[in-house]
Amino acid sequence: MNLPKPTGPNPKPGWIVIDFEASSLNDGSYPIELGYCDLDMNSGGFLIKPKPEWADWHPDAASAHGIPRELLFAVGIPIREAAERINYMADSGKSFLCDGGASDQRWYEALFRETDTVPEIMTLRDFDLRLNAAASLHKDLGNKLGDLDVLCEMRDRGILASPHRAEPDARVLAAFARGYLDADYFQALVLADQEFRSRQPSQEDVDKDEIAREIYTSFAQSGLSTGDLMEMTGMTMKEIGDLFDRRVQQMKIDDLNQIWVEILAAPTPGAKS
């Protein structure tokens, strides 16, 4: 999504919104992706390579974020590097905000605990509580706020809807906060939201997205490796990553259906014929 770039002063330069994707919501879950964004809409993110003993993996979570576990081992960064990158962002006076509550805090702590690294910021701040407190202060100071109801509607079905990937989710939360605290940015979001809604996907694109989800779910349950899928489909690792990332607009529905049929028909490795 193309969120507008702010032009005025940052109302909260010390805020960094962070978001995690995880293996599941279970007690034994672990972080697999981190995204971050400040209120100037500078953002980034990375996949995290699990430790060998981190075995938790739930198909419901996998279906939501669309990240194959194999991809984490292929391109994810080591957890020590992830912890070091987080600490690098934590300059003096910075606050990390999240909307995942205790789950985000648990995943955050896991990265540091597993590497014996001391976090520069110990506690993640609740996004809603900090935003509401800041809005009250801004209003008391005579500053104009964005329309909260309009922003919430954008969050439900507009340009600020959650894509369920870490960096894009951090970006929409940061844009929401900036739009509430900065009336000029709110107006920019309104215009961007109107353009976004005018370009809603066709039914064909919706169908492709659903097929891509079904392909991934079938793959996750099949016991096949990424190598098996590459051999079966003739696709490269990048093409498979694009498929699972749902960037499939250039493909025909018949092509996607054929891949799905081949995955469903393939024998589970090790199964007797």
C-alpha atoms as a PDB file:
ATOM      1  CA  MET A   1       0.000   0.000   0.000  1.00  0.00           C
ATOM      2  CA  ASN A   2       1.167   3.550  -0.717  1.00  0.00           C
ATOM      3  CA  LEU A   3       0.846   5.490   2.521  1.00  0.00           C
ATOM      4  CA  PRO A   4       1.585   9.213   2.218  1.00  0.00           C
ATOM      5  CA  LYS A   5       4.869  10.626   3.476  1.00  0.00           C
ATOM      6  CA  PRO A   6       4.415  13.301   6.179  1.00  0.00           C
ATOM      7  CA  THR A   7       5.681  16.804   5.455  1.00  0.00           C
ATOM      8  CA  GLY A   8       5.340  18.585   8.797  1.00  0.00           C
ATOM      9  CA  PRO A   9       7.104  18.163  12.141  1.00  0.00           C
ATOM     10  CA  ASN A  10       6.817  14.765  13.799  1.00  0.00           C
ATOM     11  CA  PRO A  11       4.440  15.032  16.795  1.00  0.00           C
ATOM     12  CA  LYS A  12       6.155  12.086  18.519  1.00  0.00           C
ATOM     13  CA  PRO A  13       9.757  11.723  17.283  1.00  0.00           C
ATOM     14  CA  GLY A  14      10.553   9.285  20.088  1.00  0.00           C
ATOM     15  CA  TRP A  15       7.950   6.703  19.053  1.00  0.00           C
ATOM     16  CA  ILE A  16       8.769   3.586  17.063  1.00  0.00           C
ATOM     17  CA  VAL A  17       5.890   1.231  16.331  1.00  0.00           C
ATOM     18  CA  ILE A  18       6.929  -2.410  16.158  1.00  0.00           C
ATOM     19  CA  ASP A  19       5.010  -5.498  15.112  1.00  0.00           C
ATOM     20  CA  PHE A  20       5.727  -9.225  15.258  1.00  0.00           C
ATOM     21  CA  GLU A  21       4.552 -12.177  13.253  1.00  0.00           C
ATOM     22  CA  ALA A  22       4.894 -15.441  15.144  1.00  0.00           C
ATOM     23  CA  SER A  23       4.716 -19.199  14.779  1.00  0.00           C
ATOM     24  CA  SER A  24       1.392 -19.262  16.661  1.00  0.00           C
ATOM     25  CA  LEU A  25      -0.309 -17.787  19.705  1.00  0.00           C
ATOM     26  CA  ASN A  26       0.620 -20.777  21.877  1.00  0.00           C
ATOM     27  CA  ASP A  27       2.813 -20.553  24.964  1.00  0.00           C
ATOM     28  CA  GLY A  28       5.664 -22.173  23.045  1.00  0.00           C
ATOM     29  CA  SER A  29       5.434 -19.760  20.115  1.00  0.00           C
ATOM     30  CA  TYR A  30       8.340 -17.659  18.909  1.00  0.00           C
ATOM     31  CA  PRO A  31       8.821 -14.555  16.712  1.00  0.00           C
ATOM     32  CA  ILE A  32       9.432 -15.156  13.000  1.00  0.00           C
ATOM     33  CA  GLU A  33       9.303 -11.586  11.655  1.00  0.00           C
ATOM     34  CA  LEU A  34       9.730  -8.092  13.062  1.00  0.00           C
ATOM     35  CA  GLY A  35       8.632  -4.830  11.476  1.00  0.00           C
ATOM     36  CA  TYR A  36       9.106  -1.269  12.685  1.00  0.00           C
ATOM     37  CA  CYS A  37       8.094   2.249  11.670  1.00  0.00           C
ATOM     38  CA  ASP A  38       8.451   5.706  13.187  1.00  0.00           C
ATOM     39  CA  LEU A  39       5.910   8.497  12.779  1.00  0.00           C
ATOM     40  CA  ASP A  40       7.885   9.971   9.866  1.00  0.00           C
ATOM     41  CA  MET A  41       6.983   6.691   8.114  1.00  0.00           C
ATOM     42  CA  ASN A  42      10.562   5.414   7.997  1.00  0.00           C
ATOM     43  CA  SER A  43      10.227   1.654   8.248  1.00  0.00           C
ATOM     44  CA  GLY A  44      11.961  -1.674   7.900  1.00  0.00           C
ATOM     45  CA  GLY A  45      11.693  -5.312   8.836  1.00  0.00           C
ATOM     46  CA  PHE A  46      13.307  -8.740   8.699  1.00  0.00           C
ATOM     47  CA  LEU A  47      12.555 -12.433   8.954  1.00  0.00           C
ATOM     48  CA  ILE A  48      14.025 -14.304  11.939  1.00  0.00           C
ATOM     49  CA  LYS A  49      15.694 -17.707  11.641  1.00  0.00           C
ATOM     50  CA  PRO A  50      14.316 -19.997  14.376  1.00  0.00           C
ATOM     51  CA  LYS A  51      16.574 -21.938  16.715  1.00  0.00           C
ATOM     52  CA  PRO A  52      16.595 -25.669  15.888  1.00  0.00           C
ATOM     53  CA  GLU A  53      14.646 -26.478  19.054  1.00  0.00           C
ATOM     54  CA  TRP A  54      11.895 -23.968  18.237  1.00  0.00           C
ATOM     55  CA  ALA A  55       9.426 -26.479  16.831  1.00  0.00           C
ATOM     56  CA  ASP A  56       6.073 -24.743  17.351  1.00  0.00           C
ATOM     57  CA  TRP A  57       4.176 -24.059  14.104  1.00  0.00           C
ATOM     58  CA  HIS A  58       0.405 -23.616  13.735  1.00  0.00           C
ATOM     59  CA  PRO A  59      -1.358 -23.730  10.346  1.00  0.00           C
ATOM     60  CA  ASP A  60      -3.834 -20.999  11.347  1.00  0.00           C
ATOM     61  CA  ALA A  61      -1.030 -18.526  12.026  1.00  0.00           C
ATOM     62  CA  ALA A  62       0.787 -19.666   8.891  1.00  0.00           C
ATOM     63  CA  SER A  63      -2.334 -19.096   6.815  1.00  0.00           C
ATOM     64  CA  ALA A  64      -2.665 -15.555   8.205  1.00  0.00           C
ATOM     65  CA  HIS A  65       0.894 -14.340   7.625  1.00  0.00           C
ATOM     66  CA  GLY A  66       1.673 -16.553   4.613  1.00  0.00           C
ATOM     67  CA  ILE A  67       5.330 -17.117   5.551  1.00  0.00           C
ATOM     68  CA  PRO A  68       6.629 -20.660   4.879  1.00  0.00           C
ATOM     69  CA  ARG A  69       8.786 -21.996   7.719  1.00  0.00           C
ATOM     70  CA  GLU A  70      11.343 -23.112   5.131  1.00  0.00           C
ATOM     71  CA  LEU A  71      11.749 -19.484   4.074  1.00  0.00           C
ATOM     72  CA  LEU A  72      12.782 -18.514   7.615  1.00  0.00           C
ATOM     73  CA  PHE A  73      15.700 -20.935   7.515  1.00  0.00           C
ATOM     74  CA  ALA A  74      16.627 -19.818   4.003  1.00  0.00           C
ATOM     75  CA  VAL A  75      16.679 -16.027   4.448  1.00  0.00           C
ATOM     76  CA  GLY A  76      15.936 -15.261   8.118  1.00  0.00           C
ATOM     77  CA  ILE A  77      18.613 -13.520  10.199  1.00  0.00           C
ATOM     78  CA  PRO A  78      20.006 -15.179  13.371  1.00  0.00           C
ATOM     79  CA  ILE A  79      18.229 -14.232  16.585  1.00  0.00           C
ATOM     80  CA  ARG A  80      21.365 -12.578  17.977  1.00  0.00           C
ATOM     81  CA  GLU A  81      21.511 -10.259  14.977  1.00  0.00           C
ATOM     82  CA  ALA A  82      17.783  -9.562  15.409  1.00  0.00           C
ATOM     83  CA  ALA A  83      18.343  -8.553  19.051  1.00  0.00           C
ATOM     84  CA  GLU A  84      21.306  -6.366  18.086  1.00  0.00           C
ATOM     85  CA  ARG A  85      19.292  -4.599  15.376  1.00  0.00           C
ATOM     86  CA  ILE A  86      16.506  -3.876  17.860  1.00  0.00           C
ATOM     87  CA  ASN A  87      18.965  -2.446  20.370  1.00  0.00           C
ATOM     88  CA  TYR A  88      20.506  -0.288  17.629  1.00  0.00           C
ATOM     89  CA  MET A  89      17.091   1.352  17.091  1.00  0.00           C
ATOM     90  CA  ALA A  90      16.652   2.019  20.805  1.00  0.00           C
ATOM     91  CA  ASP A  91      18.343   5.408  21.060  1.00  0.00           C
ATOM     92  CA  SER A  92      18.011   7.409  24.255  1.00  0.00           C
ATOM     93  CA  GLY A  93      14.460   8.584  24.768  1.00  0.00           C
ATOM     94  CA  LYS A  94      12.885   6.185  22.277  1.00  0.00           C
ATOM     95  CA  SER A  95       9.764   4.160  23.084  1.00  0.00           C
ATOM     96  CA  PHE A  96       8.662   0.977  21.327  1.00  0.00           C
ATOM     97  CA  LEU A  97       4.885   0.823  20.864  1.00  0.00           C
ATOM     98  CA  CYS A  98       2.918  -2.295  19.942  1.00  0.00           C
ATOM     99  CA  ASP A  99      -0.693  -3.405  19.851  1.00  0.00           C
ATOM    100  CA  GLY A 100      -0.144  -7.114  20.608  1.00  0.00           C
ATOM    101  CA  GLY A 101      -0.061  -6.814  24.385  1.00  0.00           C
ATOM    102  CA  ALA A 102       1.484  -9.651  26.382  1.00  0.00           C
ATOM    103  CA  SER A 103       2.157 -11.754  23.274  1.00  0.00           C
ATOM    104  CA  ASP A 104       4.369  -9.095  21.678  1.00  0.00           C
ATOM    105  CA  GLN A 105       6.209  -8.617  24.976  1.00  0.00           C
ATOM    106  CA  ARG A 106       6.806 -12.372  25.263  1.00  0.00           C
ATOM    107  CA  TRP A 107       8.198 -12.633  21.715  1.00  0.00           C
ATOM    108  CA  TYR A 108      10.322  -9.541  22.261  1.00  0.00           C
ATOM    109  CA  GLU A 109      11.814 -10.971  25.458  1.00  0.00           C
ATOM    110  CA  ALA A 110      12.458 -14.339  23.790  1.00  0.00           C
ATOM    111  CA  LEU A 111      14.893 -12.782  21.309  1.00  0.00           C
ATOM    112  CA  PHE A 112      17.009 -11.339  24.098  1.00  0.00           C
ATOM    113  CA  ARG A 113      16.698 -14.235  26.533  1.00  0.00           C
ATOM    114  CA  GLU A 114      17.876 -16.762  23.958  1.00  0.00           C
ATOM    115  CA  THR A 115      20.978 -14.699  23.141  1.00  0.00           C
ATOM    116  CA  ASP A 116      21.856 -13.447  26.650  1.00  0.00           C
ATOM    117  CA  THR A 117      21.575  -9.920  25.264  1.00  0.00           C
ATOM    118  CA  VAL A 118      20.346  -7.100  27.506  1.00  0.00           C
ATOM    119  CA  PRO A 119      17.586  -5.066  25.796  1.00  0.00           C
ATOM    120  CA  GLU A 120      18.075  -1.309  25.702  1.00  0.00           C
ATOM    121  CA  ILE A 121      14.297  -0.994  26.085  1.00  0.00           C
ATOM    122  CA  MET A 122      12.844  -3.446  28.587  1.00  0.00           C
ATOM    123  CA  THR A 123       9.109  -2.924  28.146  1.00  0.00           C
ATOM    124  CA  LEU A 124       6.976  -2.406  25.052  1.00  0.00           C
ATOM    125  CA  ARG A 125       4.374   0.330  25.465  1.00  0.00           C
ATOM    126  CA  ASP A 126       0.706  -0.230  24.718  1.00  0.00           C
ATOM    127  CA  PHE A 127      -0.129   1.509  21.437  1.00  0.00           C
ATOM    128  CA  ASP A 128      -3.707   2.497  22.295  1.00  0.00           C
ATOM    129  CA  LEU A 129      -2.903   3.780  25.785  1.00  0.00           C
ATOM    130  CA  ARG A 130       0.020   5.903  24.638  1.00  0.00           C
ATOM    131  CA  LEU A 131      -1.869   7.258  21.628  1.00  0.00           C
ATOM    132  CA  ASN A 132      -4.939   8.217  23.662  1.00  0.00           C
ATOM    133  CA  ALA A 133      -2.791   9.951  26.286  1.00  0.00           C
ATOM    134  CA  ALA A 134      -0.891  11.865  23.601  1.00  0.00           C
ATOM    135  CA  ALA A 135      -4.136  12.870  21.873  1.00  0.00           C
ATOM    136  CA  SER A 136      -5.557  14.238  25.123  1.00  0.00           C
ATOM    137  CA  LEU A 137      -2.438  16.327  25.653  1.00  0.00           C
ATOM    138  CA  HIS A 138      -2.470  17.594  22.068  1.00  0.00           C
ATOM    139  CA  LYS A 139      -6.107  18.608  22.429  1.00  0.00           C
ATOM    140  CA  ASP A 140      -5.440  20.393  25.727  1.00  0.00           C
ATOM    141  CA  LEU A 141      -2.673  22.346  23.988  1.00  0.00           C
ATOM    142  CA  GLY A 142      -5.120  23.503  21.330  1.00  0.00           C
ATOM    143  CA  ASN A 143      -3.824  21.279  18.531  1.00  0.00           C
ATOM    144  CA  LYS A 144      -6.295  19.925  16.016  1.00  0.00           C
ATOM    145  CA  LEU A 145      -6.645  16.155  15.838  1.00  0.00           C
ATOM    146  CA  GLY A 146      -7.641  13.840  13.023  1.00  0.00           C
ATOM    147  CA  ASP A 147     -11.110  12.260  13.039  1.00  0.00           C
ATOM    148  CA  LEU A 148     -10.763   9.058  15.086  1.00  0.00           C
ATOM    149  CA  ASP A 149     -13.942   7.479  13.675  1.00  0.00           C
ATOM    150  CA  VAL A 150     -12.717   7.978  10.096  1.00  0.00           C
ATOM    151  CA  LEU A 151      -9.319   6.512  10.982  1.00  0.00           C
ATOM    152  CA  CYS A 152     -10.961   3.481  12.588  1.00  0.00           C
ATOM    153  CA  GLU A 153     -13.040   2.945   9.450  1.00  0.00           C
ATOM    154  CA  MET A 154      -9.865   3.117   7.351  1.00  0.00           C
ATOM    155  CA  ARG A 155      -8.418   0.507   9.711  1.00  0.00           C
ATOM    156  CA  ASP A 156     -11.415  -1.780   9.206  1.00  0.00           C
ATOM    157  CA  ARG A 157     -11.648  -1.759   5.422  1.00  0.00           C
ATOM    158  CA  GLY A 158      -9.543   1.009   3.926  1.00  0.00           C
ATOM    159  CA  ILE A 159      -5.929   1.929   3.390  1.00  0.00           C
ATOM    160  CA  LEU A 160      -5.033   1.180   7.032  1.00  0.00           C
ATOM    161  CA  ALA A 161      -6.351  -2.396   7.045  1.00  0.00           C
ATOM    162  CA  SER A 162      -3.873  -4.919   8.426  1.00  0.00           C
ATOM    163  CA  PRO A 163      -1.929  -6.901   5.791  1.00  0.00           C
ATOM    164  CA  HIS A 164      -0.757  -9.412   8.479  1.00  0.00           C
ATOM    165  CA  ARG A 165       2.930  -8.917   7.745  1.00  0.00           C
ATOM    166  CA  ALA A 166       5.180  -7.244  10.279  1.00  0.00           C
ATOM    167  CA  GLU A 167       6.531  -4.188   8.446  1.00  0.00           C
ATOM    168  CA  PRO A 168       3.261  -3.281   6.676  1.00  0.00           C
ATOM    169  CA  ASP A 169       1.368  -3.714   9.964  1.00  0.00           C
ATOM    170  CA  ALA A 170       3.834  -1.438  11.762  1.00  0.00           C
ATOM    171  CA  ARG A 171       3.411   1.118   8.967  1.00  0.00           C
ATOM    172  CA  VAL A 172      -0.377   1.220   9.186  1.00  0.00           C
ATOM    173  CA  LEU A 173      -0.241   1.619  12.971  1.00  0.00           C
ATOM    174  CA  ALA A 174       2.279   4.443  12.645  1.00  0.00           C
ATOM    175  CA  ALA A 175       0.123   6.118   9.984  1.00  0.00           C
ATOM    176  CA  PHE A 176      -2.941   5.749  12.224  1.00  0.00           C
ATOM    177  CA  ALA A 177      -1.095   7.431  15.108  1.00  0.00           C
ATOM    178  CA  ARG A 178       0.283  10.185  12.881  1.00  0.00           C
ATOM    179  CA  GLY A 179      -3.146  10.769  11.344  1.00  0.00           C
ATOM    180  CA  TYR A 180      -4.729  11.147  14.788  1.00  0.00           C
ATOM    181  CA  LEU A 181      -2.076  13.525  16.160  1.00  0.00           C
ATOM    182  CA  ASP A 182      -1.428  15.487  12.948  1.00  0.00           C
ATOM    183  CA  ALA A 183      -4.488  17.019  11.236  1.00  0.00           C
ATOM    184  CA  ASP A 184      -2.544  17.748   8.044  1.00  0.00           C
ATOM    185  CA  TYR A 185      -1.432  14.137   7.763  1.00  0.00           C
ATOM    186  CA  PHE A 186      -4.994  13.046   8.433  1.00  0.00           C
ATOM    187  CA  GLN A 187      -6.112  14.969   5.355  1.00  0.00           C
ATOM    188  CA  ALA A 188      -3.358  13.317   3.320  1.00  0.00           C
ATOM    189  CA  LEU A 189      -4.590   9.919   4.538  1.00  0.00           C
ATOM    190  CA  VAL A 190      -8.159  10.752   3.513  1.00  0.00           C
ATOM    191  CA  LEU A 191      -7.019  11.481  -0.052  1.00  0.00           C
ATOM    192  CA  ALA A 192      -4.847   8.363  -0.149  1.00  0.00           C
ATOM    193  CA  ASP A 193      -7.737   6.273   1.171  1.00  0.00           C
ATOM    194  CA  GLN A 194     -10.050   7.558  -1.550  1.00  0.00           C
ATOM    195  CA  GLU A 195      -7.505   6.585  -4.206  1.00  0.00           C
ATOM    196  CA  PHE A 196      -6.975   3.206  -2.526  1.00  0.00           C
ATOM    197  CA  ARG A 197     -10.700   2.409  -2.564  1.00  0.00           C
ATOM    198  CA  SER A 198     -10.968   3.415  -6.215  1.00  0.00           C
ATOM    199  CA  ARG A 199      -8.416   0.709  -7.022  1.00  0.00           C
ATOM    200  CA  GLN A 200     -10.044  -2.153  -5.169  1.00  0.00           C
ATOM    201  CA  PRO A 201      -9.079  -5.542  -6.635  1.00  0.00           C
ATOM    202  CA  SER A 202     -11.204  -7.208  -9.256  1.00  0.00           C
ATOM    203  CA  GLN A 203     -12.978 -10.451  -8.505  1.00  0.00           C
ATOM    204  CA  GLU A 204     -10.217 -12.236 -10.427  1.00  0.00           C
ATOM    205  CA  ASP A 205      -7.600 -10.811  -8.074  1.00  0.00           C
ATOM    206  CA  VAL A 206      -9.690 -11.832  -5.058  1.00  0.00           C
ATOM    207  CA  ASP A 207      -9.945 -15.340  -6.487  1.00  0.00           C
ATOM    208  CA  LYS A 208      -6.181 -15.472  -7.004  1.00  0.00           C
ATOM    209  CA  ASP A 209      -5.551 -14.455  -3.414  1.00  0.00           C
ATOM    210  CA  GLU A 210      -7.873 -17.175  -2.148  1.00  0.00           C
ATOM    211  CA  ILE A 211      -6.190 -19.784  -4.350  1.00  0.00           C
ATOM    212  CA  ALA A 212      -2.778 -18.666  -3.077  1.00  0.00           C
ATOM    213  CA  ARG A 213      -3.985 -19.171   0.490  1.00  0.00           C
ATOM    214  CA  GLU A 214      -5.275 -22.635  -0.380  1.00  0.00           C
ATOM    215  CA  ILE A 215      -1.975 -23.508  -2.061  1.00  0.00           C
ATOM    216  CA  TYR A 216      -0.018 -22.523   1.021  1.00  0.00           C
ATOM    217  CA  THR A 217      -2.343 -24.369   3.419  1.00  0.00           C
ATOM    218  CA  SER A 218      -2.111 -27.505   1.289  1.00  0.00           C
ATOM    219  CA  PHE A 219       1.673 -27.200   1.119  1.00  0.00           C
ATOM    220  CA  ALA A 220       1.998 -26.667   4.882  1.00  0.00           C
ATOM    221  CA  GLN A 221      -0.016 -29.825   5.545  1.00  0.00           C
ATOM    222  CA  SER A 222       1.594 -31.976   2.856  1.00  0.00           C
ATOM    223  CA  GLY A 223       4.954 -32.652   4.472  1.00  0.00           C
ATOM    224  CA  LEU A 224       6.725 -31.495   1.313  1.00  0.00           C
ATOM    225  CA  SER A 225       9.893 -29.434   1.455  1.00  0.00           C
ATOM    226  CA  THR A 226      10.482 -26.262  -0.537  1.00  0.00           C
ATOM    227  CA  GLY A 227      12.859 -28.291  -2.721  1.00  0.00           C
ATOM    228  CA  ASP A 228      10.056 -30.750  -3.488  1.00  0.00           C
ATOM    229  CA  LEU A 229       7.816 -27.884  -4.539  1.00  0.00           C
ATOM    230  CA  MET A 230      10.544 -26.334  -6.716  1.00  0.00           C
ATOM    231  CA  GLU A 231      11.041 -29.637  -8.523  1.00  0.00           C
ATOM    232  CA  MET A 232       7.305 -30.217  -8.849  1.00  0.00           C
ATOM    233  CA  THR A 233       6.449 -26.792 -10.276  1.00  0.00           C
ATOM    234  CA  GLY A 234       9.664 -25.735 -12.005  1.00  0.00           C
ATOM    235  CA  MET A 235       9.579 -22.499  -9.982  1.00  0.00           C
ATOM    236  CA  THR A 236      12.623 -20.835  -8.420  1.00  0.00           C
ATOM    237  CA  MET A 237      12.873 -20.081  -4.696  1.00  0.00           C
ATOM    238  CA  LYS A 238      12.073 -16.436  -5.396  1.00  0.00           C
ATOM    239  CA  GLU A 239       8.997 -17.360  -7.432  1.00  0.00           C
ATOM    240  CA  ILE A 240       7.811 -19.602  -4.626  1.00  0.00           C
ATOM    241  CA  GLY A 241       8.425 -16.803  -2.129  1.00  0.00           C
ATOM    242  CA  ASP A 242       6.439 -14.420  -4.329  1.00  0.00           C
ATOM    243  CA  LEU A 243       3.617 -16.929  -4.549  1.00  0.00           C
ATOM    244  CA  PHE A 244       3.457 -17.374  -0.800  1.00  0.00           C
ATOM    245  CA  ASP A 245       3.671 -13.603  -0.404  1.00  0.00           C
ATOM    246  CA  ARG A 246       0.548 -13.503  -2.610  1.00  0.00           C
ATOM    247  CA  ARG A 247       2.254 -11.435  -5.313  1.00  0.00           C
ATOM    248  CA  VAL A 248       0.510 -13.532  -7.959  1.00  0.00           C
ATOM    249  CA  GLN A 249      -1.238 -10.919 -10.055  1.00  0.00           C
ATOM    250  CA  GLN A 250       0.857 -11.747 -13.129  1.00  0.00           C
ATOM    251  CA  MET A 251      -0.224 -15.398 -13.103  1.00  0.00           C
ATOM    252  CA  LYS A 252      -3.348 -16.888 -14.568  1.00  0.00           C
ATOM    253  CA  ILE A 253      -5.843 -18.549 -12.286  1.00  0.00           C
ATOM    254  CA  ASP A 254      -5.482 -21.779 -14.284  1.00  0.00           C
ATOM    255  CA  ASP A 255      -1.740 -21.782 -13.507  1.00  0.00           C
ATOM    256  CA  LEU A 256      -2.388 -21.367  -9.804  1.00  0.00           C
ATOM    257  CA  ASN A 257      -5.044 -24.057  -9.841  1.00  0.00           C
ATOM    258  CA  GLN A 258      -2.642 -26.476 -11.537  1.00  0.00           C
ATOM    259  CA  ILE A 259       0.017 -25.898  -8.877  1.00  0.00           C
ATOM    260  CA  TRP A 260      -2.578 -26.529  -6.176  1.00  0.00           C
ATOM    261  CA  VAL A 261      -3.749 -29.745  -7.843  1.00  0.00           C
ATOM    262  CA  GLU A 262      -0.158 -30.987  -8.111  1.00  0.00           C
ATOM    263  CA  ILE A 263       0.481 -30.286  -4.429  1.00  0.00           C
ATOM    264  CA  LEU A 264      -2.681 -32.102  -3.375  1.00  0.00           C
ATOM    265  CA  ALA A 265      -1.874 -35.078  -5.630  1.00  0.00           C
ATOM    266  CA  ALA A 266       1.761 -35.393  -4.548  1.00  0.00           C
ATOM    267  CA  PRO A 267       2.587 -38.275  -2.184  1.00  0.00           C
ATOM    268  CA  THR A 268       3.883 -37.380   1.248  1.00  0.00           C
ATOM    269  CA  PRO A 269       7.662 -37.982   1.364  1.00  0.00           C
ATOM    270  CA  GLY A 270       8.394 -41.343   2.903  1.00  0.00           C
ATOM    271  CA  ALA A 271       4.935 -42.692   2.217  1.00  0.00           C
ATOM    272  CA  LYS A 272       4.712 -46.147   0.686  1.00  0.00           C
ATOM    273  CA  SER A 273       3.285 -46.335  -2.823  1.00  0.00           C
END
